[in-house]
Amino acid sequence: MVGFGGQLVDRTRAQTAADAAALASLTGGSGAAQMLAQRHGATLVEFTRGPGVNQVRVVVRLDDVTATAAATDAP
């Protein structure tokens, strides 16, 4: 059983992976998102563009934790 500290670390790592994947995908697409998620030890579960042209959303999974991030390069 993982204690509260371990859960917090896992959640933080998953969110960091999601944030990095979302930002990378703005210029590199889903391939860049997948690569950055893997570099953080996570798996890219979902990649979507929109609703705007310059918006992306990713979902990653790291161990038992799922995290979501969105990014845009719109002004």
C-alpha atoms as a PDB file:
ATOM      1  CA  MET A   1       0.000   0.000   0.000  1.00  0.00           C
ATOM      2  CA  VAL A   2       1.333   3.398  -0.980  1.00  0.00           C
ATOM      3  CA  GLY A   3       1.151   6.121   1.621  1.00  0.00           C
ATOM      4  CA  PHE A   4      -0.031   9.654   1.087  1.00  0.00           C
ATOM      5  CA  GLY A   5       3.473  10.845   0.202  1.00  0.00           C
ATOM      6  CA  GLY A   6       3.827   8.173  -2.457  1.00  0.00           C
ATOM      7  CA  GLN A   7       0.442   9.022  -3.951  1.00  0.00           C
ATOM      8  CA  LEU A   8       1.401  12.680  -4.110  1.00  0.00           C
ATOM      9  CA  VAL A   9       4.672  11.876  -5.857  1.00  0.00           C
ATOM     10  CA  ASP A  10       2.909   9.614  -8.385  1.00  0.00           C
ATOM     11  CA  ARG A  11       0.278  12.278  -9.102  1.00  0.00           C
ATOM     12  CA  THR A  12       2.937  14.967  -9.545  1.00  0.00           C
ATOM     13  CA  ARG A  13       4.991  12.787 -11.884  1.00  0.00           C
ATOM     14  CA  ALA A  14       1.933  11.952 -13.986  1.00  0.00           C
ATOM     15  CA  GLN A  15       0.898  15.609 -14.240  1.00  0.00           C
ATOM     16  CA  THR A  16       4.425  16.647 -15.198  1.00  0.00           C
ATOM     17  CA  ALA A  17       4.422  14.022 -17.948  1.00  0.00           C
ATOM     18  CA  ALA A  18       1.036  15.238 -19.215  1.00  0.00           C
ATOM     19  CA  ASP A  19       2.106  18.879 -19.201  1.00  0.00           C
ATOM     20  CA  ALA A  20       5.337  18.112 -21.063  1.00  0.00           C
ATOM     21  CA  ALA A  21       3.506  15.963 -23.611  1.00  0.00           C
ATOM     22  CA  ALA A  22       0.880  18.632 -24.274  1.00  0.00           C
ATOM     23  CA  LEU A  23       3.453  21.366 -24.774  1.00  0.00           C
ATOM     24  CA  ALA A  24       5.642  19.210 -27.021  1.00  0.00           C
ATOM     25  CA  SER A  25       2.687  18.248 -29.169  1.00  0.00           C
ATOM     26  CA  LEU A  26       2.019  21.860 -30.135  1.00  0.00           C
ATOM     27  CA  THR A  27       4.965  21.743 -32.525  1.00  0.00           C
ATOM     28  CA  GLY A  28       5.571  18.008 -32.900  1.00  0.00           C
ATOM     29  CA  GLY A  29       2.092  16.486 -32.914  1.00  0.00           C
ATOM     30  CA  SER A  30       1.132  13.199 -31.316  1.00  0.00           C
ATOM     31  CA  GLY A  31       4.579  11.690 -31.925  1.00  0.00           C
ATOM     32  CA  ALA A  32       6.215  14.358 -29.792  1.00  0.00           C
ATOM     33  CA  ALA A  33       3.552  13.901 -27.112  1.00  0.00           C
ATOM     34  CA  GLN A  34       4.193  10.179 -27.004  1.00  0.00           C
ATOM     35  CA  MET A  35       7.970  10.640 -26.827  1.00  0.00           C
ATOM     36  CA  LEU A  36       7.787  13.147 -23.960  1.00  0.00           C
ATOM     37  CA  ALA A  37       5.318  11.018 -22.025  1.00  0.00           C
ATOM     38  CA  GLN A  38       7.656   8.029 -22.353  1.00  0.00           C
ATOM     39  CA  ARG A  39      10.652  10.082 -21.233  1.00  0.00           C
ATOM     40  CA  HIS A  40       8.732  10.759 -18.041  1.00  0.00           C
ATOM     41  CA  GLY A  41       7.860   7.094 -17.592  1.00  0.00           C
ATOM     42  CA  ALA A  42       4.242   7.489 -18.709  1.00  0.00           C
ATOM     43  CA  THR A  43       2.102   6.194 -21.559  1.00  0.00           C
ATOM     44  CA  LEU A  44       0.142   8.467 -23.875  1.00  0.00           C
ATOM     45  CA  VAL A  45      -3.477   7.293 -23.635  1.00  0.00           C
ATOM     46  CA  GLU A  46      -5.215   9.980 -25.681  1.00  0.00           C
ATOM     47  CA  PHE A  47      -4.259  12.878 -27.961  1.00  0.00           C
ATOM     48  CA  THR A  48      -6.809  15.285 -29.408  1.00  0.00           C
ATOM     49  CA  ARG A  49      -6.692  18.598 -31.233  1.00  0.00           C
ATOM     50  CA  GLY A  50      -9.233  21.322 -30.701  1.00  0.00           C
ATOM     51  CA  PRO A  51     -11.685  22.726 -30.255  1.00  0.00           C
ATOM     52  CA  GLY A  52      -9.525  25.548 -31.617  1.00  0.00           C
ATOM     53  CA  VAL A  53      -6.914  25.094 -34.319  1.00  0.00           C
ATOM     54  CA  ASN A  54      -4.043  25.784 -31.922  1.00  0.00           C
ATOM     55  CA  GLN A  55      -5.269  23.657 -29.002  1.00  0.00           C
ATOM     56  CA  VAL A  56      -4.313  20.165 -27.899  1.00  0.00           C
ATOM     57  CA  ARG A  57      -5.353  17.868 -25.056  1.00  0.00           C
ATOM     58  CA  VAL A  58      -3.483  14.813 -23.837  1.00  0.00           C
ATOM     59  CA  VAL A  59      -4.163  12.088 -21.308  1.00  0.00           C
ATOM     60  CA  VAL A  60      -1.282  10.058 -19.909  1.00  0.00           C
ATOM     61  CA  ARG A  61      -1.053   7.147 -17.516  1.00  0.00           C
ATOM     62  CA  LEU A  62       1.799   6.544 -15.123  1.00  0.00           C
ATOM     63  CA  ASP A  63       1.448   3.431 -12.982  1.00  0.00           C
ATOM     64  CA  ASP A  64      -2.048   3.741 -11.468  1.00  0.00           C
ATOM     65  CA  VAL A  65      -2.434   7.476 -12.062  1.00  0.00           C
ATOM     66  CA  THR A  66      -4.052   9.212 -15.042  1.00  0.00           C
ATOM     67  CA  ALA A  67      -3.402  12.889 -15.751  1.00  0.00           C
ATOM     68  CA  THR A  68      -4.784  15.302 -18.320  1.00  0.00           C
ATOM     69  CA  ALA A  69      -3.254  18.469 -19.749  1.00  0.00           C
ATOM     70  CA  ALA A  70      -4.200  20.963 -22.403  1.00  0.00           C
ATOM     71  CA  ALA A  71      -2.051  23.501 -24.213  1.00  0.00           C
ATOM     72  CA  THR A  72      -2.372  26.170 -26.835  1.00  0.00           C
ATOM     73  CA  ASP A  73      -0.009  28.390 -28.758  1.00  0.00           C
ATOM     74  CA  ALA A  74      -2.738  30.848 -29.677  1.00  0.00           C
ATOM     75  CA  PRO A  75      -2.138  34.474 -28.725  1.00  0.00           C
END
